[in-house]
Each structure stands twice: as C-alpha cells, then as structure tokens.
Amino acid sequence: MNDFDLNCRDCPRLATFLDDVKDQYPDYHARPVAPFGVARPRVLIVGLAPGMHGANATGRPFTGDYAGILLYKALHQYGFASAQESLSQDDGLKLIQCKITNAVKCLPPENKPITDEIKQCNRFLKAELEDLKKGSVVFTLGGIAHNAVLRALQLKLKEYPFGHAVEYDLPTGHRLVTSYHCSRYNTQTRRLTEDMFMQVMARIRAYIDT
C-alpha cells in the first residue's frame, strides 16, 4: 500500500486542483508523478513537488521546467545520466545508479504543499528509502525535501539541520547530502550557482566511487 500509486487521490485539495489543471491543459500528465530511474539506486534525489509546466506536464520529475536544466546537466557530467537534457518521457534518457523522486508526488497550488499533504505523501517516500542499500546517498534539494526524508526515516529534524552542501551519516546506514533547490529563483538570485551545485554532485560521485 506504500508503493507509488498513479491513481492516488488521498489529498482532496491536490486531487481537485489536478482535475482543474487537466481541464485547462488536456495534454498534460496532471496526475501523481512517478519516481524516475533505476530500481535499486545508489543515489536517491528528492525534490519538493512536480512543477506546473514541468513534471506535471511531462510525467517525469524535473523534466520540462527550469529546475531540471541544472540537475540533469550535473547528473550527466558526473556519470549519473546518459544525456544532459531531459525533454520528455520518450527522449531515450536513462539514469545510471540513481533515481529522482519528490517529497510530494502531485502538483500543489502555487507550488506550496501544506503540511498535511507532505505527511500524507510521506509513506511513498518511506517505501523508496527502504529500497536503498546501506551506503547509498540520499540527496535532498531544499528544506522541505530534507525534512520529509528525516520524517520518513523517523529521525529528529533538530539533529540534522538543513543547509547547503551539508552531509550526515545517518543511523540507517545512508549518507544524507543536502543542497539548495535548483529552482529558477535560487539560481537567478545566485543563492545557488552552477559551481556550488556541481561541487555537491562531485562529492556524491566521489562517495559512491569509494
């Protein structure tokens, strides 16, 4: 019951919003967005939620929106993706050793899920984390994703504060690595630069290789 459910409507606000979006954009995916990548990844990348004209439209995490540009470029540069651009579900791109998911699987209004929705969706993230082998990396993009991972692992948030390029060895046997979210706002305001993001990805690559 904790596996991804394409037909999930457990959050009434999100389900109703997706119905409205589907009416407005009939060609959009406009449903819960499944994780993308290998079945047993060494790196699980956790974002916030699908973007309106990105994953919500294409059905693939971080695909079709600005945030995915830097993410897939970095994944390709460090050997985790077969191409540096993710355009659509049928573009042939493959992930290597990694999987991308979101803390909330459905598009929220104004890209802001409420606490109850994050908690409701947490069981899916918990199942994804349970599939990871010890020694795997959980890479969180932004504070909401970071806290959702800690909640899913039943760890205290105050013991693992979020910050950019912070790393923790978790009692579950995983390495938690954090970054500011690669959103348009963060990159255009220079809160997160390409170099800052690439440095974090390089550390993840080095950890996996050793």
N, C-alpha and C. Protein backbone atom coordinates (compact mmCIF):
# COMPACT_ATOMS: atom_id res chain seq x y z
N MET A 1 0.81 -1.21 0.00
CA MET A 1 0.00 0.00 0.00
C MET A 1 0.85 1.26 0.00
N ASN A 2 2.17 1.12 0.21
CA ASN A 2 3.04 2.28 0.24
C ASN A 2 3.79 2.49 -1.07
N ASP A 3 3.54 1.62 -2.07
CA ASP A 3 4.16 1.81 -3.37
C ASP A 3 3.47 2.96 -4.10
N PHE A 4 4.18 3.55 -5.03
CA PHE A 4 3.64 4.67 -5.80
C PHE A 4 2.30 4.29 -6.42
N ASP A 5 1.36 5.23 -6.37
CA ASP A 5 0.02 5.00 -6.87
C ASP A 5 -0.36 6.12 -7.84
N LEU A 6 -0.41 5.80 -9.12
CA LEU A 6 -0.75 6.79 -10.13
C LEU A 6 -2.15 7.34 -9.95
N ASN A 7 -3.00 6.59 -9.30
CA ASN A 7 -4.40 6.99 -9.13
C ASN A 7 -4.70 7.53 -7.73
N CYS A 8 -3.66 7.83 -6.97
CA CYS A 8 -3.86 8.32 -5.60
C CYS A 8 -4.64 9.64 -5.60
N ARG A 9 -5.65 9.72 -4.73
CA ARG A 9 -6.43 10.94 -4.53
C ARG A 9 -6.63 11.18 -3.03
N ASP A 10 -5.62 10.83 -2.25
CA ASP A 10 -5.74 10.90 -0.79
C ASP A 10 -5.72 12.32 -0.26
N CYS A 11 -5.25 13.26 -1.05
CA CYS A 11 -5.23 14.66 -0.62
C CYS A 11 -6.29 15.41 -1.44
N PRO A 12 -7.45 15.70 -0.86
CA PRO A 12 -8.56 16.29 -1.62
C PRO A 12 -8.20 17.59 -2.32
N ARG A 13 -7.42 18.45 -1.67
CA ARG A 13 -7.07 19.73 -2.29
C ARG A 13 -6.24 19.51 -3.55
N LEU A 14 -5.28 18.58 -3.48
CA LEU A 14 -4.42 18.32 -4.63
C LEU A 14 -5.17 17.61 -5.74
N ALA A 15 -6.02 16.65 -5.37
CA ALA A 15 -6.78 15.91 -6.38
C ALA A 15 -7.71 16.85 -7.16
N THR A 16 -8.38 17.74 -6.44
CA THR A 16 -9.27 18.70 -7.10
C THR A 16 -8.50 19.66 -7.98
N PHE A 17 -7.34 20.10 -7.50
CA PHE A 17 -6.52 21.02 -8.28
C PHE A 17 -6.04 20.35 -9.57
N LEU A 18 -5.63 19.07 -9.48
CA LEU A 18 -5.19 18.37 -10.68
C LEU A 18 -6.33 18.18 -11.68
N ASP A 19 -7.52 17.96 -11.18
CA ASP A 19 -8.69 17.86 -12.08
C ASP A 19 -8.86 19.17 -12.85
N ASP A 20 -8.72 20.29 -12.16
CA ASP A 20 -8.87 21.60 -12.80
C ASP A 20 -7.75 21.83 -13.82
N VAL A 21 -6.53 21.43 -13.46
CA VAL A 21 -5.39 21.60 -14.37
C VAL A 21 -5.59 20.76 -15.62
N LYS A 22 -6.08 19.54 -15.46
CA LYS A 22 -6.32 18.66 -16.60
C LYS A 22 -7.37 19.24 -17.54
N ASP A 23 -8.37 19.88 -16.98
CA ASP A 23 -9.38 20.54 -17.81
C ASP A 23 -8.77 21.70 -18.61
N GLN A 24 -7.85 22.40 -17.96
CA GLN A 24 -7.22 23.56 -18.60
C GLN A 24 -6.16 23.14 -19.61
N TYR A 25 -5.43 22.05 -19.28
CA TYR A 25 -4.36 21.56 -20.15
C TYR A 25 -4.58 20.07 -20.41
N PRO A 26 -5.45 19.71 -21.34
CA PRO A 26 -5.81 18.31 -21.56
C PRO A 26 -4.64 17.40 -21.92
N ASP A 27 -3.57 17.96 -22.49
CA ASP A 27 -2.42 17.15 -22.90
C ASP A 27 -1.42 16.94 -21.77
N TYR A 28 -1.62 17.59 -20.64
CA TYR A 28 -0.69 17.43 -19.53
C TYR A 28 -0.91 16.10 -18.81
N HIS A 29 0.13 15.61 -18.18
CA HIS A 29 0.06 14.41 -17.34
C HIS A 29 -0.95 14.61 -16.22
N ALA A 30 -0.78 15.67 -15.44
CA ALA A 30 -1.74 16.11 -14.42
C ALA A 30 -2.23 14.99 -13.51
N ARG A 31 -1.31 14.18 -13.04
CA ARG A 31 -1.58 13.09 -12.10
C ARG A 31 -0.36 12.98 -11.19
N PRO A 32 -0.38 12.12 -10.19
CA PRO A 32 0.84 11.90 -9.41
C PRO A 32 2.00 11.51 -10.34
N VAL A 33 3.17 12.03 -10.06
CA VAL A 33 4.35 11.79 -10.90
C VAL A 33 5.22 10.71 -10.26
N ALA A 34 5.46 9.66 -11.00
CA ALA A 34 6.23 8.52 -10.50
C ALA A 34 7.72 8.86 -10.39
N PRO A 35 8.43 8.21 -9.49
CA PRO A 35 9.89 8.34 -9.47
C PRO A 35 10.47 7.89 -10.81
N PHE A 36 11.63 8.40 -11.15
CA PHE A 36 12.29 8.08 -12.42
C PHE A 36 13.72 7.64 -12.14
N GLY A 37 14.08 6.46 -12.66
CA GLY A 37 15.45 5.99 -12.52
C GLY A 37 15.53 4.49 -12.33
N VAL A 38 16.66 4.02 -11.84
CA VAL A 38 16.89 2.59 -11.68
C VAL A 38 16.15 2.06 -10.46
N ALA A 39 15.89 0.76 -10.45
CA ALA A 39 15.10 0.15 -9.38
C ALA A 39 15.80 0.20 -8.03
N ARG A 40 17.10 -0.07 -8.01
CA ARG A 40 17.86 -0.07 -6.75
C ARG A 40 19.00 0.94 -6.85
N PRO A 41 18.72 2.21 -6.68
CA PRO A 41 19.72 3.25 -6.90
C PRO A 41 20.76 3.32 -5.79
N ARG A 42 21.93 3.83 -6.15
CA ARG A 42 22.92 4.19 -5.14
C ARG A 42 22.71 5.62 -4.67
N VAL A 43 22.00 6.42 -5.49
CA VAL A 43 21.69 7.81 -5.14
C VAL A 43 20.19 8.04 -5.36
N LEU A 44 19.50 8.49 -4.31
CA LEU A 44 18.10 8.88 -4.42
C LEU A 44 18.02 10.39 -4.28
N ILE A 45 17.58 11.07 -5.32
CA ILE A 45 17.46 12.52 -5.32
C ILE A 45 16.02 12.88 -4.99
N VAL A 46 15.83 13.72 -3.98
CA VAL A 46 14.49 14.06 -3.52
C VAL A 46 14.24 15.55 -3.69
N GLY A 47 13.26 15.88 -4.54
CA GLY A 47 12.86 17.26 -4.73
C GLY A 47 11.61 17.57 -3.93
N LEU A 48 11.01 18.71 -4.23
CA LEU A 48 9.83 19.16 -3.49
C LEU A 48 8.54 18.55 -4.06
N ALA A 49 8.18 18.94 -5.28
CA ALA A 49 6.93 18.51 -5.90
C ALA A 49 7.02 18.80 -7.39
N PRO A 50 6.17 18.18 -8.21
CA PRO A 50 6.17 18.49 -9.64
C PRO A 50 5.85 19.95 -9.91
N GLY A 51 6.47 20.51 -10.94
CA GLY A 51 6.18 21.87 -11.36
C GLY A 51 5.03 21.89 -12.36
N MET A 52 4.29 22.98 -12.39
CA MET A 52 3.10 23.09 -13.23
C MET A 52 3.38 22.72 -14.69
N HIS A 53 4.39 23.36 -15.29
CA HIS A 53 4.67 23.14 -16.70
C HIS A 53 5.90 22.25 -16.91
N GLY A 54 6.33 21.61 -15.82
CA GLY A 54 7.44 20.68 -15.89
C GLY A 54 6.96 19.26 -15.72
N ALA A 55 7.27 18.66 -14.58
CA ALA A 55 6.90 17.26 -14.35
C ALA A 55 5.39 17.04 -14.40
N ASN A 56 4.62 18.02 -13.97
CA ASN A 56 3.16 17.88 -14.05
C ASN A 56 2.69 17.76 -15.49
N ALA A 57 3.44 18.37 -16.41
CA ALA A 57 3.09 18.29 -17.83
C ALA A 57 3.65 17.03 -18.48
N THR A 58 4.90 16.70 -18.17
CA THR A 58 5.60 15.62 -18.86
C THR A 58 5.46 14.26 -18.20
N GLY A 59 5.20 14.26 -16.88
CA GLY A 59 5.11 13.00 -16.16
C GLY A 59 6.45 12.45 -15.71
N ARG A 60 7.53 13.22 -15.87
CA ARG A 60 8.86 12.80 -15.40
C ARG A 60 9.43 13.88 -14.48
N PRO A 61 9.96 13.50 -13.33
CA PRO A 61 10.49 14.51 -12.40
C PRO A 61 11.53 15.42 -13.05
N PHE A 62 11.41 16.72 -12.76
CA PHE A 62 12.38 17.73 -13.20
C PHE A 62 12.54 17.76 -14.72
N THR A 63 11.47 17.48 -15.44
CA THR A 63 11.54 17.45 -16.90
C THR A 63 10.56 18.44 -17.49
N GLY A 64 11.08 19.39 -18.27
CA GLY A 64 10.24 20.39 -18.89
C GLY A 64 10.21 21.71 -18.16
N ASP A 65 10.94 21.82 -17.05
CA ASP A 65 10.96 23.09 -16.32
C ASP A 65 12.40 23.53 -16.07
N TYR A 66 12.53 24.74 -15.58
CA TYR A 66 13.86 25.35 -15.42
C TYR A 66 14.72 24.59 -14.42
N ALA A 67 14.12 24.09 -13.35
CA ALA A 67 14.90 23.42 -12.31
C ALA A 67 15.63 22.20 -12.83
N GLY A 68 15.08 21.56 -13.86
CA GLY A 68 15.71 20.36 -14.38
C GLY A 68 16.94 20.62 -15.22
N ILE A 69 17.11 21.84 -15.71
CA ILE A 69 18.25 22.14 -16.58
C ILE A 69 19.56 21.87 -15.87
N LEU A 70 19.73 22.46 -14.70
CA LEU A 70 20.97 22.29 -13.94
C LEU A 70 21.09 20.87 -13.40
N LEU A 71 19.98 20.30 -12.92
CA LEU A 71 20.04 18.96 -12.33
C LEU A 71 20.52 17.93 -13.35
N TYR A 72 19.90 17.87 -14.51
CA TYR A 72 20.29 16.85 -15.48
C TYR A 72 21.66 17.13 -16.08
N LYS A 73 22.04 18.39 -16.21
CA LYS A 73 23.40 18.72 -16.66
C LYS A 73 24.43 18.16 -15.69
N ALA A 74 24.17 18.34 -14.39
CA ALA A 74 25.09 17.83 -13.37
C ALA A 74 25.10 16.30 -13.35
N LEU A 75 23.93 15.69 -13.46
CA LEU A 75 23.86 14.23 -13.47
C LEU A 75 24.65 13.65 -14.64
N HIS A 76 24.54 14.28 -15.80
CA HIS A 76 25.28 13.80 -16.96
C HIS A 76 26.78 14.01 -16.78
N GLN A 77 27.16 15.16 -16.28
CA GLN A 77 28.58 15.47 -16.12
C GLN A 77 29.27 14.48 -15.18
N TYR A 78 28.54 14.00 -14.17
CA TYR A 78 29.14 13.10 -13.19
C TYR A 78 28.71 11.64 -13.37
N GLY A 79 28.23 11.31 -14.56
CA GLY A 79 28.02 9.92 -14.92
C GLY A 79 26.76 9.28 -14.40
N PHE A 80 25.78 10.08 -14.00
CA PHE A 80 24.53 9.54 -13.48
C PHE A 80 23.38 9.59 -14.51
N ALA A 81 23.63 10.17 -15.69
CA ALA A 81 22.59 10.25 -16.72
C ALA A 81 23.24 10.10 -18.09
N SER A 82 22.49 9.53 -19.03
CA SER A 82 23.02 9.26 -20.37
C SER A 82 23.01 10.50 -21.26
N ALA A 83 22.31 11.53 -20.87
CA ALA A 83 22.26 12.78 -21.63
C ALA A 83 22.13 13.94 -20.67
N GLN A 84 22.43 15.15 -21.13
CA GLN A 84 22.42 16.30 -20.23
C GLN A 84 21.11 17.07 -20.25
N GLU A 85 20.17 16.67 -21.12
CA GLU A 85 18.87 17.31 -21.16
C GLU A 85 17.76 16.26 -21.07
N SER A 86 16.79 16.52 -20.20
CA SER A 86 15.61 15.67 -20.09
C SER A 86 14.44 16.43 -20.71
N LEU A 87 13.93 15.91 -21.82
CA LEU A 87 12.93 16.64 -22.58
C LEU A 87 11.53 16.06 -22.45
N SER A 88 11.44 14.73 -22.41
CA SER A 88 10.14 14.06 -22.33
C SER A 88 10.35 12.62 -21.89
N GLN A 89 9.26 11.92 -21.61
CA GLN A 89 9.37 10.54 -21.16
C GLN A 89 9.91 9.61 -22.25
N ASP A 90 9.80 10.00 -23.50
CA ASP A 90 10.25 9.14 -24.59
C ASP A 90 11.49 9.66 -25.30
N ASP A 91 12.31 10.46 -24.59
CA ASP A 91 13.51 11.02 -25.23
C ASP A 91 14.72 10.09 -25.18
N GLY A 92 14.57 8.93 -24.56
CA GLY A 92 15.66 7.96 -24.51
C GLY A 92 16.65 8.15 -23.38
N LEU A 93 16.51 9.20 -22.60
CA LEU A 93 17.43 9.44 -21.50
C LEU A 93 17.31 8.34 -20.44
N LYS A 94 18.44 7.86 -19.96
CA LYS A 94 18.47 6.86 -18.91
C LYS A 94 19.28 7.39 -17.73
N LEU A 95 18.82 7.08 -16.53
CA LEU A 95 19.62 7.39 -15.34
C LEU A 95 20.48 6.19 -14.98
N ILE A 96 21.63 6.48 -14.39
CA ILE A 96 22.62 5.45 -14.06
C ILE A 96 22.89 5.52 -12.56
N GLN A 97 22.62 4.46 -11.85
CA GLN A 97 22.86 4.36 -10.40
C GLN A 97 21.99 5.30 -9.58
N CYS A 98 21.04 5.97 -10.18
CA CYS A 98 20.27 6.92 -9.39
C CYS A 98 18.80 6.94 -9.77
N LYS A 99 18.02 7.56 -8.91
CA LYS A 99 16.59 7.72 -9.09
C LYS A 99 16.21 9.11 -8.59
N ILE A 100 15.23 9.72 -9.26
CA ILE A 100 14.74 11.04 -8.85
C ILE A 100 13.28 10.91 -8.42
N THR A 101 12.95 11.51 -7.28
CA THR A 101 11.58 11.48 -6.78
C THR A 101 11.26 12.83 -6.16
N ASN A 102 10.07 12.95 -5.61
CA ASN A 102 9.67 14.18 -4.92
C ASN A 102 9.03 13.86 -3.58
N ALA A 103 9.15 14.79 -2.66
CA ALA A 103 8.52 14.62 -1.34
C ALA A 103 7.01 14.55 -1.48
N VAL A 104 6.46 15.34 -2.41
CA VAL A 104 5.03 15.33 -2.73
C VAL A 104 4.89 14.99 -4.20
N LYS A 105 4.11 13.97 -4.49
CA LYS A 105 4.06 13.44 -5.86
C LYS A 105 3.13 14.22 -6.78
N CYS A 106 2.26 15.05 -6.23
CA CYS A 106 1.29 15.82 -7.04
C CYS A 106 1.63 17.31 -7.04
N LEU A 107 1.29 17.95 -8.14
CA LEU A 107 1.44 19.40 -8.24
C LEU A 107 0.57 20.10 -7.19
N PRO A 108 1.17 20.93 -6.32
CA PRO A 108 0.36 21.70 -5.37
C PRO A 108 0.09 23.11 -5.90
N PRO A 109 -1.02 23.72 -5.52
CA PRO A 109 -1.28 25.11 -5.92
C PRO A 109 -0.12 26.02 -5.48
N GLU A 110 0.32 26.87 -6.40
CA GLU A 110 1.41 27.82 -6.15
C GLU A 110 2.70 27.11 -5.74
N ASN A 111 2.81 25.84 -6.06
CA ASN A 111 3.98 25.02 -5.73
C ASN A 111 4.25 24.97 -4.23
N LYS A 112 3.16 25.05 -3.44
CA LYS A 112 3.31 25.07 -1.99
C LYS A 112 2.40 24.02 -1.36
N PRO A 113 2.92 22.81 -1.11
CA PRO A 113 2.11 21.82 -0.41
C PRO A 113 1.93 22.22 1.05
N ILE A 114 0.81 21.85 1.64
CA ILE A 114 0.60 22.10 3.05
C ILE A 114 1.14 20.93 3.86
N THR A 115 1.29 21.12 5.14
CA THR A 115 1.92 20.11 6.00
C THR A 115 1.21 18.77 5.93
N ASP A 116 -0.11 18.78 5.96
CA ASP A 116 -0.85 17.52 5.93
C ASP A 116 -0.60 16.75 4.63
N GLU A 117 -0.41 17.45 3.53
CA GLU A 117 -0.14 16.80 2.25
C GLU A 117 1.26 16.18 2.23
N ILE A 118 2.22 16.87 2.82
CA ILE A 118 3.58 16.33 2.91
C ILE A 118 3.56 15.06 3.76
N LYS A 119 2.82 15.09 4.86
CA LYS A 119 2.74 13.92 5.73
C LYS A 119 2.00 12.77 5.05
N GLN A 120 0.92 13.09 4.34
CA GLN A 120 0.14 12.05 3.67
C GLN A 120 0.98 11.33 2.62
N CYS A 121 1.81 12.07 1.90
CA CYS A 121 2.63 11.51 0.83
C CYS A 121 3.90 10.85 1.35
N ASN A 122 4.18 11.02 2.62
CA ASN A 122 5.45 10.57 3.18
C ASN A 122 5.61 9.05 3.13
N ARG A 123 4.49 8.32 3.11
CA ARG A 123 4.59 6.86 3.09
C ARG A 123 5.22 6.36 1.79
N PHE A 124 5.00 7.08 0.69
CA PHE A 124 5.61 6.69 -0.58
C PHE A 124 7.12 6.91 -0.53
N LEU A 125 7.54 8.04 0.04
CA LEU A 125 8.96 8.32 0.18
C LEU A 125 9.61 7.31 1.12
N LYS A 126 8.91 6.94 2.17
CA LYS A 126 9.43 5.95 3.11
C LYS A 126 9.72 4.62 2.41
N ALA A 127 8.80 4.21 1.53
CA ALA A 127 8.99 2.96 0.79
C ALA A 127 10.19 3.06 -0.15
N GLU A 128 10.38 4.22 -0.76
CA GLU A 128 11.52 4.41 -1.66
C GLU A 128 12.84 4.36 -0.89
N LEU A 129 12.84 4.93 0.29
CA LEU A 129 14.05 4.91 1.12
C LEU A 129 14.36 3.50 1.62
N GLU A 130 13.33 2.73 1.88
CA GLU A 130 13.54 1.37 2.36
C GLU A 130 14.15 0.48 1.29
N ASP A 131 14.02 0.86 0.02
CA ASP A 131 14.61 0.09 -1.08
C ASP A 131 16.10 0.34 -1.24
N LEU A 132 16.63 1.36 -0.57
CA LEU A 132 18.04 1.70 -0.72
C LEU A 132 18.93 0.76 0.08
N LYS A 133 20.05 0.40 -0.52
CA LYS A 133 21.04 -0.38 0.20
C LYS A 133 21.81 0.53 1.16
N LYS A 134 22.39 -0.05 2.19
CA LYS A 134 23.25 0.73 3.06
C LYS A 134 24.45 1.24 2.26
N GLY A 135 24.87 2.46 2.59
CA GLY A 135 25.95 3.07 1.83
C GLY A 135 25.46 3.91 0.67
N SER A 136 24.14 3.96 0.47
CA SER A 136 23.58 4.80 -0.59
C SER A 136 23.50 6.25 -0.13
N VAL A 137 23.38 7.14 -1.09
CA VAL A 137 23.26 8.57 -0.82
C VAL A 137 21.82 9.01 -1.03
N VAL A 138 21.32 9.79 -0.08
CA VAL A 138 20.03 10.47 -0.24
C VAL A 138 20.36 11.95 -0.41
N PHE A 139 20.04 12.49 -1.59
CA PHE A 139 20.40 13.85 -1.95
C PHE A 139 19.13 14.70 -1.96
N THR A 140 19.01 15.59 -0.97
CA THR A 140 17.79 16.39 -0.83
C THR A 140 17.99 17.79 -1.42
N LEU A 141 16.99 18.21 -2.19
CA LEU A 141 17.01 19.54 -2.81
C LEU A 141 16.01 20.42 -2.09
N GLY A 142 16.51 21.23 -1.17
CA GLY A 142 15.66 22.14 -0.42
C GLY A 142 15.23 21.60 0.93
N GLY A 143 14.79 22.53 1.79
CA GLY A 143 14.47 22.19 3.17
C GLY A 143 13.25 21.28 3.32
N ILE A 144 12.23 21.47 2.49
CA ILE A 144 11.04 20.63 2.61
C ILE A 144 11.37 19.18 2.29
N ALA A 145 12.11 18.95 1.22
CA ALA A 145 12.52 17.59 0.86
C ALA A 145 13.39 16.99 1.96
N HIS A 146 14.30 17.81 2.48
CA HIS A 146 15.19 17.36 3.56
C HIS A 146 14.39 16.89 4.78
N ASN A 147 13.44 17.71 5.20
CA ASN A 147 12.64 17.36 6.37
C ASN A 147 11.74 16.16 6.10
N ALA A 148 11.27 16.03 4.88
CA ALA A 148 10.42 14.89 4.52
C ALA A 148 11.20 13.58 4.62
N VAL A 149 12.45 13.61 4.21
CA VAL A 149 13.30 12.42 4.33
C VAL A 149 13.52 12.05 5.79
N LEU A 150 13.81 13.03 6.61
CA LEU A 150 14.01 12.75 8.04
C LEU A 150 12.74 12.20 8.66
N ARG A 151 11.59 12.74 8.28
CA ARG A 151 10.32 12.25 8.80
C ARG A 151 10.09 10.79 8.37
N ALA A 152 10.39 10.50 7.13
CA ALA A 152 10.20 9.14 6.63
C ALA A 152 11.11 8.13 7.33
N LEU A 153 12.28 8.60 7.75
CA LEU A 153 13.23 7.73 8.44
C LEU A 153 13.06 7.78 9.95
N GLN A 154 12.07 8.54 10.41
CA GLN A 154 11.76 8.69 11.84
C GLN A 154 12.96 9.24 12.62
N LEU A 155 13.61 10.23 12.03
CA LEU A 155 14.74 10.90 12.66
C LEU A 155 14.32 12.31 13.09
N LYS A 156 14.94 12.83 14.12
CA LYS A 156 14.59 14.14 14.64
C LYS A 156 15.16 15.25 13.76
N LEU A 157 14.30 16.16 13.36
CA LEU A 157 14.72 17.22 12.46
C LEU A 157 15.80 18.10 13.08
N LYS A 158 15.70 18.35 14.38
CA LYS A 158 16.65 19.25 15.02
C LYS A 158 18.06 18.68 15.08
N GLU A 159 18.19 17.38 14.92
CA GLU A 159 19.52 16.75 14.97
C GLU A 159 20.21 16.75 13.62
N TYR A 160 19.46 17.11 12.56
CA TYR A 160 20.03 17.11 11.20
C TYR A 160 19.56 18.38 10.48
N PRO A 161 20.00 19.53 10.92
CA PRO A 161 19.52 20.79 10.32
C PRO A 161 19.92 20.91 8.85
N PHE A 162 19.03 21.53 8.08
CA PHE A 162 19.27 21.71 6.66
C PHE A 162 20.22 22.87 6.40
N GLY A 163 21.04 22.71 5.40
CA GLY A 163 21.91 23.77 4.92
C GLY A 163 22.51 23.34 3.60
N HIS A 164 23.04 24.26 2.84
CA HIS A 164 23.62 23.87 1.56
C HIS A 164 24.94 23.13 1.75
N ALA A 165 25.10 22.03 1.01
CA ALA A 165 26.34 21.24 0.99
C ALA A 165 26.69 20.66 2.36
N VAL A 166 25.66 20.31 3.11
CA VAL A 166 25.85 19.66 4.40
C VAL A 166 25.71 18.15 4.20
N GLU A 167 26.49 17.38 4.95
CA GLU A 167 26.44 15.92 4.84
C GLU A 167 26.28 15.30 6.22
N TYR A 168 25.50 14.22 6.27
CA TYR A 168 25.30 13.48 7.51
C TYR A 168 25.39 11.98 7.24
N ASP A 169 26.03 11.26 8.14
CA ASP A 169 25.95 9.81 8.15
C ASP A 169 24.78 9.43 9.04
N LEU A 170 23.76 8.82 8.46
CA LEU A 170 22.54 8.51 9.19
C LEU A 170 22.63 7.15 9.88
N PRO A 171 21.89 6.96 10.96
CA PRO A 171 21.90 5.66 11.66
C PRO A 171 21.32 4.53 10.80
N THR A 172 20.66 4.88 9.71
CA THR A 172 20.11 3.87 8.80
C THR A 172 21.18 3.29 7.88
N GLY A 173 22.38 3.87 7.91
CA GLY A 173 23.44 3.41 7.04
C GLY A 173 23.54 4.18 5.73
N HIS A 174 22.76 5.26 5.60
CA HIS A 174 22.78 6.09 4.40
C HIS A 174 23.57 7.38 4.65
N ARG A 175 24.07 7.96 3.58
CA ARG A 175 24.67 9.29 3.63
C ARG A 175 23.64 10.30 3.12
N LEU A 176 23.33 11.29 3.95
CA LEU A 176 22.41 12.35 3.57
C LEU A 176 23.22 13.56 3.12
N VAL A 177 22.97 14.02 1.90
CA VAL A 177 23.65 15.17 1.32
C VAL A 177 22.60 16.21 0.94
N THR A 178 22.84 17.47 1.24
CA THR A 178 21.83 18.50 1.03
C THR A 178 22.31 19.57 0.05
N SER A 179 21.35 20.21 -0.59
CA SER A 179 21.63 21.35 -1.45
C SER A 179 20.42 22.27 -1.47
N TYR A 180 20.68 23.55 -1.71
CA TYR A 180 19.57 24.43 -2.04
C TYR A 180 18.91 23.88 -3.30
N HIS A 181 17.61 24.10 -3.41
CA HIS A 181 16.88 23.61 -4.58
C HIS A 181 17.35 24.35 -5.83
N CYS A 182 17.46 23.62 -6.93
CA CYS A 182 17.95 24.22 -8.19
C CYS A 182 16.81 24.90 -8.95
N SER A 183 16.02 25.67 -8.25
CA SER A 183 14.89 26.39 -8.84
C SER A 183 15.37 27.62 -9.60
N ARG A 184 14.49 28.14 -10.44
CA ARG A 184 14.80 29.37 -11.18
C ARG A 184 15.13 30.50 -10.21
N TYR A 185 14.33 30.62 -9.14
CA TYR A 185 14.56 31.72 -8.20
C TYR A 185 15.94 31.62 -7.57
N ASN A 186 16.32 30.43 -7.10
CA ASN A 186 17.60 30.28 -6.41
C ASN A 186 18.79 30.50 -7.34
N THR A 187 18.67 30.04 -8.59
CA THR A 187 19.81 30.20 -9.50
C THR A 187 19.90 31.62 -10.04
N GLN A 188 18.77 32.25 -10.29
CA GLN A 188 18.82 33.62 -10.83
C GLN A 188 19.23 34.64 -9.77
N THR A 189 18.92 34.36 -8.51
CA THR A 189 19.36 35.26 -7.44
C THR A 189 20.77 34.92 -6.96
N ARG A 190 21.34 33.87 -7.53
CA ARG A 190 22.71 33.43 -7.19
C ARG A 190 22.81 32.85 -5.79
N ARG A 191 21.67 32.55 -5.19
CA ARG A 191 21.73 31.81 -3.92
C ARG A 191 22.38 30.45 -4.17
N LEU A 192 22.08 29.89 -5.34
CA LEU A 192 22.72 28.66 -5.77
C LEU A 192 23.32 28.90 -7.15
N THR A 193 24.64 28.77 -7.25
CA THR A 193 25.29 28.89 -8.54
C THR A 193 25.54 27.50 -9.12
N GLU A 194 25.82 27.47 -10.42
CA GLU A 194 26.13 26.18 -11.05
C GLU A 194 27.35 25.55 -10.40
N ASP A 195 28.35 26.33 -10.09
CA ASP A 195 29.56 25.80 -9.47
C ASP A 195 29.26 25.20 -8.09
N MET A 196 28.42 25.87 -7.32
CA MET A 196 28.05 25.35 -5.99
C MET A 196 27.37 23.99 -6.12
N PHE A 197 26.47 23.88 -7.10
CA PHE A 197 25.74 22.63 -7.28
C PHE A 197 26.65 21.53 -7.80
N MET A 198 27.53 21.86 -8.72
CA MET A 198 28.45 20.86 -9.27
C MET A 198 29.41 20.34 -8.20
N GLN A 199 29.80 21.21 -7.28
CA GLN A 199 30.68 20.76 -6.21
C GLN A 199 30.01 19.71 -5.33
N VAL A 200 28.73 19.90 -5.04
CA VAL A 200 27.99 18.90 -4.26
C VAL A 200 27.89 17.59 -5.04
N MET A 201 27.57 17.69 -6.32
CA MET A 201 27.45 16.48 -7.14
C MET A 201 28.79 15.75 -7.23
N ALA A 202 29.87 16.49 -7.28
CA ALA A 202 31.20 15.87 -7.33
C ALA A 202 31.48 15.08 -6.04
N ARG A 203 31.04 15.62 -4.92
CA ARG A 203 31.24 14.92 -3.65
C ARG A 203 30.41 13.65 -3.59
N ILE A 204 29.21 13.69 -4.16
CA ILE A 204 28.37 12.49 -4.20
C ILE A 204 29.03 11.43 -5.09
N ARG A 205 29.54 11.85 -6.24
CA ARG A 205 30.23 10.93 -7.15
C ARG A 205 31.42 10.27 -6.45
N ALA A 206 32.21 11.06 -5.75
CA ALA A 206 33.38 10.54 -5.05
C ALA A 206 32.98 9.55 -3.97
N TYR A 207 31.91 9.85 -3.24
CA TYR A 207 31.45 8.96 -2.17
C TYR A 207 30.99 7.63 -2.76
N ILE A 208 30.24 7.66 -3.84
CA ILE A 208 29.75 6.44 -4.47
C ILE A 208 30.91 5.60 -5.00
N ASP A 209 31.90 6.26 -5.56
CA ASP A 209 33.04 5.54 -6.17
C ASP A 209 33.95 4.90 -5.14
N THR A 210 33.88 5.40 -3.91
CA THR A 210 34.77 4.82 -2.89
C THR A 210 34.03 3.88 -1.96
